[in-house]
Structures are given as structure tokens and as C-alpha cells.
C-alpha atoms as a PDB file:
ATOM      1  CA  MET A   1     -17.684 -48.478 -12.955  1.00  0.00           C
ATOM      2  CA  ALA A   2     -14.196 -50.489 -12.721  1.00  0.00           C
ATOM      3  CA  GLU A   3     -12.682 -51.550  -9.318  1.00  0.00           C
ATOM      4  CA  THR A   4      -8.889 -50.761 -10.533  1.00  0.00           C
ATOM      5  CA  ARG A   5      -7.545 -48.567  -8.220  1.00  0.00           C
ATOM      6  CA  ARG A   6      -4.167 -46.826  -8.028  1.00  0.00           C
ATOM      7  CA  LYS A   7      -1.489 -45.015  -5.415  1.00  0.00           C
ATOM      8  CA  THR A   8      -1.651 -41.605  -6.203  1.00  0.00           C
ATOM      9  CA  GLY A   9       1.129 -41.950  -3.652  1.00  0.00           C
ATOM     10  CA  LYS A  10      -0.365 -39.965  -0.733  1.00  0.00           C
ATOM     11  CA  ASN A  11      -1.500 -43.304   1.112  1.00  0.00           C
ATOM     12  CA  HIS A  12      -4.836 -42.950  -0.622  1.00  0.00           C
ATOM     13  CA  ALA A  13      -6.375 -44.330  -3.717  1.00  0.00           C
ATOM     14  CA  VAL A  14      -8.552 -42.806  -7.295  1.00  0.00           C
ATOM     15  CA  GLN A  15     -11.024 -45.097  -8.289  1.00  0.00           C
ATOM     16  CA  LEU A  16     -10.853 -44.785 -11.846  1.00  0.00           C
ATOM     17  CA  PRO A  17     -13.684 -45.810 -14.822  1.00  0.00           C
ATOM     18  CA  ASP A  18     -12.907 -48.460 -17.196  1.00  0.00           C
ATOM     19  CA  GLY A  19     -12.809 -48.359 -20.430  1.00  0.00           C
ATOM     20  CA  ALA A  20     -17.379 -48.819 -21.359  1.00  0.00           C
ATOM     21  CA  ASP A  21     -17.539 -45.993 -18.600  1.00  0.00           C
ATOM     22  CA  MET A  22     -15.102 -43.589 -20.151  1.00  0.00           C
ATOM     23  CA  GLU A  23     -16.739 -44.443 -23.978  1.00  0.00           C
ATOM     24  CA  ARG A  24     -19.923 -43.453 -22.506  1.00  0.00           C
ATOM     25  CA  ALA A  25     -19.044 -40.575 -20.486  1.00  0.00           C
ATOM     26  CA  PHE A  26     -16.563 -38.443 -22.750  1.00  0.00           C
ATOM     27  CA  VAL A  27     -17.599 -37.022 -26.176  1.00  0.00           C
ATOM     28  CA  VAL A  28     -14.128 -35.935 -27.823  1.00  0.00           C
ATOM     29  CA  SER A  29     -14.302 -34.081 -31.046  1.00  0.00           C
ATOM     30  CA  SER A  30     -12.659 -30.709 -32.374  1.00  0.00           C
ATOM     31  CA  LEU A  31     -15.576 -28.621 -30.608  1.00  0.00           C
ATOM     32  CA  ASN A  32     -15.500 -30.472 -27.110  1.00  0.00           C
ATOM     33  CA  ILE A  33     -13.197 -30.632 -24.345  1.00  0.00           C
ATOM     34  CA  ALA A  34     -13.206 -34.230 -22.648  1.00  0.00           C
ATOM     35  CA  MET A  35     -15.454 -33.403 -19.442  1.00  0.00           C
ATOM     36  CA  PRO A  36     -18.397 -35.833 -18.234  1.00  0.00           C
ATOM     37  CA  GLU A  37     -20.292 -32.556 -17.938  1.00  0.00           C
ATOM     38  CA  LYS A  38     -21.330 -30.087 -20.292  1.00  0.00           C
ATOM     39  CA  VAL A  39     -21.230 -27.644 -17.286  1.00  0.00           C
ATOM     40  CA  PHE A  40     -17.626 -28.399 -17.096  1.00  0.00           C
ATOM     41  CA  ARG A  41     -16.831 -28.105 -20.581  1.00  0.00           C
ATOM     42  CA  ASP A  42     -18.639 -24.471 -20.881  1.00  0.00           C
ATOM     43  CA  PHE A  43     -16.661 -23.660 -17.608  1.00  0.00           C
ATOM     44  CA  GLU A  44     -13.621 -24.180 -19.539  1.00  0.00           C
ATOM     45  CA  TYR A  45     -14.374 -22.473 -22.793  1.00  0.00           C
ATOM     46  CA  ALA A  46     -15.194 -19.526 -20.605  1.00  0.00           C
ATOM     47  CA  LEU A  47     -12.161 -19.635 -18.652  1.00  0.00           C
ATOM     48  CA  ASN A  48     -10.198 -19.867 -21.520  1.00  0.00           C
ATOM     49  CA  SER A  49     -12.037 -17.043 -23.432  1.00  0.00           C
ATOM     50  CA  MET A  50     -11.121 -15.036 -19.953  1.00  0.00           C
ATOM     51  CA  THR A  51      -7.282 -15.763 -20.502  1.00  0.00           C
ATOM     52  CA  MET A  52      -7.297 -14.791 -23.909  1.00  0.00           C
ATOM     53  CA  THR A  53      -8.587 -12.088 -23.740  1.00  0.00           C
ATOM     54  CA  PHE A  54      -6.956 -10.751 -20.615  1.00  0.00           C
ATOM     55  CA  GLN A  55      -3.999 -12.087 -22.536  1.00  0.00           C
ATOM     56  CA  ARG A  56      -5.103  -9.671 -25.052  1.00  0.00           C
ATOM     57  CA  TRP A  57      -5.410  -6.897 -22.743  1.00  0.00           C
ATOM     58  CA  MET A  58      -1.958  -6.998 -21.533  1.00  0.00           C
ATOM     59  CA  ARG A  59      -0.454  -6.777 -24.722  1.00  0.00           C
ATOM     60  CA  HIS A  60      -2.747  -4.032 -25.513  1.00  0.00           C
ATOM     61  CA  GLY A  61      -1.584  -1.968 -22.613  1.00  0.00           C
ATOM     62  CA  MET A  62       2.276  -2.634 -23.582  1.00  0.00           C
ATOM     63  CA  ILE A  63       1.853  -1.769 -27.099  1.00  0.00           C
ATOM     64  CA  GLN A  64       0.205   1.583 -25.505  1.00  0.00           C
ATOM     65  CA  ALA A  65       3.083   2.083 -23.308  1.00  0.00           C
ATOM     66  CA  GLY A  66       5.403   1.764 -26.415  1.00  0.00           C
ATOM     67  CA  HIS A  67       6.527  -2.116 -25.770  1.00  0.00           C
ATOM     68  CA  PRO A  68       4.840  -3.915 -28.390  1.00  0.00           C
ATOM     69  CA  GLU A  69       7.678  -6.487 -28.588  1.00  0.00           C
ATOM     70  CA  LEU A  70       6.443  -8.078 -25.584  1.00  0.00           C
ATOM     71  CA  SER A  71       4.771 -11.096 -25.250  1.00  0.00           C
ATOM     72  CA  ALA A  72       2.082 -11.701 -22.479  1.00  0.00           C
ATOM     73  CA  LEU A  73       4.435 -14.029 -20.286  1.00  0.00           C
ATOM     74  CA  GLU A  74       7.068 -11.094 -20.250  1.00  0.00           C
ATOM     75  CA  ILE A  75       4.550  -8.453 -19.068  1.00  0.00           C
ATOM     76  CA  LEU A  76       3.517 -10.527 -16.404  1.00  0.00           C
ATOM     77  CA  VAL A  77       6.956 -10.722 -15.463  1.00  0.00           C
ATOM     78  CA  LEU A  78       7.470  -7.116 -15.313  1.00  0.00           C
ATOM     79  CA  ARG A  79       4.732  -6.486 -13.482  1.00  0.00           C
ATOM     80  CA  SER A  80       5.355  -9.053 -10.834  1.00  0.00           C
ATOM     81  CA  VAL A  81       8.757  -7.531 -10.572  1.00  0.00           C
ATOM     82  CA  ASN A  82       7.212  -4.214 -10.389  1.00  0.00           C
ATOM     83  CA  GLN A  83       4.593  -5.276  -7.594  1.00  0.00           C
ATOM     84  CA  ASN A  84       6.757  -7.640  -5.104  1.00  0.00           C
ATOM     85  CA  GLY A  85       9.787  -5.460  -4.828  1.00  0.00           C
ATOM     86  CA  PRO A  86      12.650  -3.806  -5.605  1.00  0.00           C
ATOM     87  CA  ASP A  87      15.097  -7.191  -6.117  1.00  0.00           C
ATOM     88  CA  GLU A  88      12.472 -10.001  -6.772  1.00  0.00           C
ATOM     89  CA  SER A  89      13.937 -13.410  -6.764  1.00  0.00           C
ATOM     90  CA  ILE A  90      13.478 -16.011  -9.607  1.00  0.00           C
ATOM     91  CA  ALA A  91      11.789 -18.421  -7.388  1.00  0.00           C
ATOM     92  CA  SER A  92       9.596 -15.766  -5.910  1.00  0.00           C
ATOM     93  CA  VAL A  93       8.720 -14.722  -9.727  1.00  0.00           C
ATOM     94  CA  MET A  94       8.078 -18.602 -10.352  1.00  0.00           C
ATOM     95  CA  ALA A  95       6.010 -19.054  -7.370  1.00  0.00           C
ATOM     96  CA  HIS A  96       3.870 -16.015  -8.107  1.00  0.00           C
ATOM     97  CA  LEU A  97       3.397 -16.418 -11.396  1.00  0.00           C
ATOM     98  CA  GLN A  98       2.851 -20.309 -10.783  1.00  0.00           C
ATOM     99  CA  LEU A  99       5.220 -21.585 -13.485  1.00  0.00           C
ATOM    100  CA  SER A 100       6.323 -25.198 -13.418  1.00  0.00           C
ATOM    101  CA  GLU A 101       8.999 -24.689 -15.172  1.00  0.00           C
ATOM    102  CA  ARG A 102      12.201 -22.339 -15.362  1.00  0.00           C
ATOM    103  CA  HIS A 103      13.368 -21.968 -19.035  1.00  0.00           C
ATOM    104  CA  PRO A 104      10.274 -20.249 -20.428  1.00  0.00           C
ATOM    105  CA  LEU A 105      11.037 -17.639 -17.037  1.00  0.00           C
ATOM    106  CA  ASP A 106      14.772 -17.228 -18.118  1.00  0.00           C
ATOM    107  CA  TYR A 107      13.707 -16.482 -22.282  1.00  0.00           C
ATOM    108  CA  ALA A 108      11.469 -13.773 -20.893  1.00  0.00           C
ATOM    109  CA  LEU A 109      14.117 -12.538 -18.308  1.00  0.00           C
ATOM    110  CA  LYS A 110      16.855 -12.229 -21.168  1.00  0.00           C
ATOM    111  CA  LYS A 111      14.709 -10.274 -23.448  1.00  0.00           C
ATOM    112  CA  LEU A 112      13.211  -7.999 -20.643  1.00  0.00           C
ATOM    113  CA  ASP A 113      17.222  -7.740 -19.924  1.00  0.00           C
ATOM    114  CA  ARG A 114      18.081  -7.209 -23.567  1.00  0.00           C
ATOM    115  CA  LEU A 115      15.276  -3.958 -23.849  1.00  0.00           C
ATOM    116  CA  GLY A 116      16.393  -2.421 -20.684  1.00  0.00           C
ATOM    117  CA  LEU A 117      13.654  -3.275 -18.514  1.00  0.00           C
ATOM    118  CA  ILE A 118      15.314  -5.145 -16.199  1.00  0.00           C
ATOM    119  CA  THR A 119      18.225  -5.519 -13.919  1.00  0.00           C
ATOM    120  CA  ARG A 120      19.869  -8.979 -12.763  1.00  0.00           C
ATOM    121  CA  ARG A 121      21.692  -9.558 -10.029  1.00  0.00           C
ATOM    122  CA  ARG A 122      23.456 -13.056  -8.328  1.00  0.00           C
ATOM    123  CA  GLN A 123      24.224 -12.949  -5.096  1.00  0.00           C
ATOM    124  CA  ARG A 124      25.730 -16.706  -4.387  1.00  0.00           C
ATOM    125  CA  LYS A 125      23.045 -19.314  -6.223  1.00  0.00           C
ATOM    126  CA  GLU A 126      20.503 -16.927  -6.218  1.00  0.00           C
ATOM    127  CA  VAL A 127      19.533 -14.212  -9.218  1.00  0.00           C
ATOM    128  CA  PHE A 128      17.569 -11.266  -8.561  1.00  0.00           C
ATOM    129  CA  VAL A 129      15.672  -9.363 -10.606  1.00  0.00           C
ATOM    130  CA  GLY A 130      14.922  -5.735 -10.355  1.00  0.00           C
ATOM    131  CA  LEU A 131      12.905  -2.913 -13.006  1.00  0.00           C
ATOM    132  CA  THR A 132      14.982  -0.082 -14.575  1.00  0.00           C
ATOM    133  CA  ASP A 133      13.954   3.175 -14.678  1.00  0.00           C
ATOM    134  CA  LYS A 134      12.625   2.087 -18.367  1.00  0.00           C
ATOM    135  CA  GLY A 135      10.718  -0.495 -16.763  1.00  0.00           C
ATOM    136  CA  ARG A 136       8.940   1.317 -13.955  1.00  0.00           C
ATOM    137  CA  LYS A 137       7.910   3.887 -16.860  1.00  0.00           C
ATOM    138  CA  ALA A 138       6.670   0.773 -18.657  1.00  0.00           C
ATOM    139  CA  CYS A 139       4.861  -0.402 -15.796  1.00  0.00           C
ATOM    140  CA  ARG A 140       3.397   3.049 -14.817  1.00  0.00           C
ATOM    141  CA  ASP A 141       2.031   3.585 -18.153  1.00  0.00           C
ATOM    142  CA  HIS A 142       0.428   0.380 -18.404  1.00  0.00           C
ATOM    143  CA  ALA A 143      -0.926   1.016 -15.037  1.00  0.00           C
ATOM    144  CA  ARG A 144      -2.797   4.559 -16.236  1.00  0.00           C
ATOM    145  CA  LEU A 145      -4.110   3.038 -18.874  1.00  0.00           C
ATOM    146  CA  GLN A 146      -5.584   0.056 -16.830  1.00  0.00           C
ATOM    147  CA  HIS A 147      -7.319   2.495 -15.011  1.00  0.00           C
ATOM    148  CA  GLN A 148      -8.444   5.177 -17.665  1.00  0.00           C
ATOM    149  CA  CYS A 149      -9.755   2.116 -19.488  1.00  0.00           C
ATOM    150  CA  LEU A 150     -10.487  -0.976 -17.319  1.00  0.00           C
ATOM    151  CA  LEU A 151     -11.247   0.454 -13.772  1.00  0.00           C
ATOM    152  CA  ALA A 152     -13.429   3.281 -15.273  1.00  0.00           C
ATOM    153  CA  ALA A 153     -15.443   0.603 -17.504  1.00  0.00           C
ATOM    154  CA  MET A 154     -16.176  -1.189 -14.078  1.00  0.00           C
ATOM    155  CA  PRO A 155     -19.445  -0.663 -11.968  1.00  0.00           C
ATOM    156  CA  GLN A 156     -18.685   2.096  -9.343  1.00  0.00           C
ATOM    157  CA  ASP A 157     -19.117  -0.922  -6.601  1.00  0.00           C
ATOM    158  CA  ARG A 158     -16.548  -2.486  -8.044  1.00  0.00           C
ATOM    159  CA  LYS A 159     -18.799  -5.580  -8.117  1.00  0.00           C
ATOM    160  CA  ILE A 160     -18.904  -8.425 -10.943  1.00  0.00           C
ATOM    161  CA  ALA A 161     -21.913 -10.599 -10.902  1.00  0.00           C
ATOM    162  CA  ASN A 162     -22.724  -9.075  -7.333  1.00  0.00           C
ATOM    163  CA  MET A 163     -19.263 -10.381  -6.271  1.00  0.00           C
ATOM    164  CA  ALA A 164     -16.585  -7.827  -5.189  1.00  0.00           C
ATOM    165  CA  LEU A 165     -13.355  -8.454  -7.138  1.00  0.00           C
ATOM    166  CA  THR A 166     -11.852  -9.737  -3.501  1.00  0.00           C
ATOM    167  CA  GLU A 167     -14.482 -12.566  -3.529  1.00  0.00           C
ATOM    168  CA  LEU A 168     -13.843 -12.909  -7.225  1.00  0.00           C
ATOM    169  CA  THR A 169      -9.953 -13.547  -6.591  1.00  0.00           C
ATOM    170  CA  GLY A 170     -10.046 -15.831  -3.726  1.00  0.00           C
ATOM    171  CA  MET A 171     -12.667 -17.823  -6.325  1.00  0.00           C
ATOM    172  CA  ILE A 172     -10.097 -17.626  -8.579  1.00  0.00           C
ATOM    173  CA  ARG A 173      -7.305 -19.188  -6.417  1.00  0.00           C
ATOM    174  CA  GLN A 174      -9.792 -21.721  -5.068  1.00  0.00           C
ATOM    175  CA  LEU A 175     -10.131 -23.082  -8.465  1.00  0.00           C
ATOM    176  CA  ALA A 176      -6.294 -22.627  -9.356  1.00  0.00           C
ATOM    177  CA  ALA A 177      -5.837 -24.849  -6.270  1.00  0.00           C
ATOM    178  CA  ILE A 178      -8.458 -27.303  -7.409  1.00  0.00           C
ATOM    179  CA  TYR A 179      -6.572 -27.537 -10.850  1.00  0.00           C
ATOM    180  CA  ASP A 180      -3.545 -28.043  -9.324  1.00  0.00           C
ATOM    181  CA  HIS A 181      -4.402 -30.828  -7.189  1.00  0.00           C
ATOM    182  CA  ALA A 182      -5.898 -32.705  -9.835  1.00  0.00           C
ATOM    183  CA  ILE A 183      -2.598 -32.320 -11.809  1.00  0.00           C
ATOM    184  CA  ALA A 184      -1.020 -33.612  -8.970  1.00  0.00           C
ATOM    185  CA  VAL A 185      -3.760 -36.717  -9.050  1.00  0.00           C
ATOM    186  CA  SER A 186      -3.269 -37.130 -12.680  1.00  0.00           C
ATOM    187  CA  ASP A 187       0.830 -37.579 -12.231  1.00  0.00           C
ATOM    188  CA  ALA A 188       0.272 -40.521  -9.640  1.00  0.00           C
ATOM    189  CA  THR A 189      -1.809 -42.098 -11.340  1.00  0.00           C
END
């Protein structure tokens, strides 16, 4: 490995492989993600599969609830506002959904407002979002479908691969933190 070192901005260095090391370590094609280990590639394919399936599930639930026009992000925004209070700030929605840019959220809010699912109000420089009765009904209908179909299909002990859902939730949050850290390191190089 080459002795190339670059500062990450946090007073420590990251050792980067040289070009020859990179060529030996990575096989890149339309069928492979550029990862040095097959286990990482398989993990990321499984993660992508879960992400896409979860988005299809959310959309299916909202179609059943009478809102086929909503995208996955719009559904997540609606659910976030429903879960986190009567008036949730834009900053809180962004943090809750791990959004790094505001413009996709602005488009989603505009559409949800136009459909009569949310209300927006400004207080000084902050914008707060709340659900309308129609928005609350959409969330209740979606939750009812979730309970009838998804939770009913889960084992009684609510374990997947011998892990409680709370353990899986913690593990997923840890993985998200690892990916966030990798983004920060990558940006610093």
C-alpha cells in the first residue's frame, strides 16, 4: 500500500491505497459494486433490496389508503409529522429522515400541502408542519394495513434471525452511523 496520506480535517490521516492496489482489490462491472470483499457487496445488495422493498411496501400501503399519488419520500414525511407531533419543524423533519438537502423536502411538502394532507405555518424564520384531518386519516389507514398485514405476518416473539426488533433497530442505526462516517471521511480526502 502506498504511503500516501491525506488529512481528513479532524487532525488524523487516512491511508489511501495506490492505483495498483486499487486495481487488484476492486472488480467493477455493471453486476458488481466496487468493494474489496464479496461479503460487503452481498451486504449492500441485501440492503438495497430491503430499501426498495420497504419503499414498495410504503407505496402499496398508501395506495390502499387512497393516496396512489404519493412517493416514498412524501409518505415518510407524512409519517414523520404524524409520529413527531402536531407541529414539527422543517429542521426536525430533515434530521428525523436523515435528509442532507432541503429541496427534495420542499417539493414533498408542497405536494402534501396541495393534496390537503398537511398544513404549514411560519413562526419567525422557522416553518412548522402539521397534519390535517385528511393527513391523519391517511396515516391511520396506513397503520391499520401495517397491523393487519405486516405485523400479523411476523413471528409472535417479534424476532427476526433470533434478534428482537429493538436490537435490529439499534443495529440499523449503527450501520447508518458507519455510512455517515464513511461519507465524512470521503469528503475530507
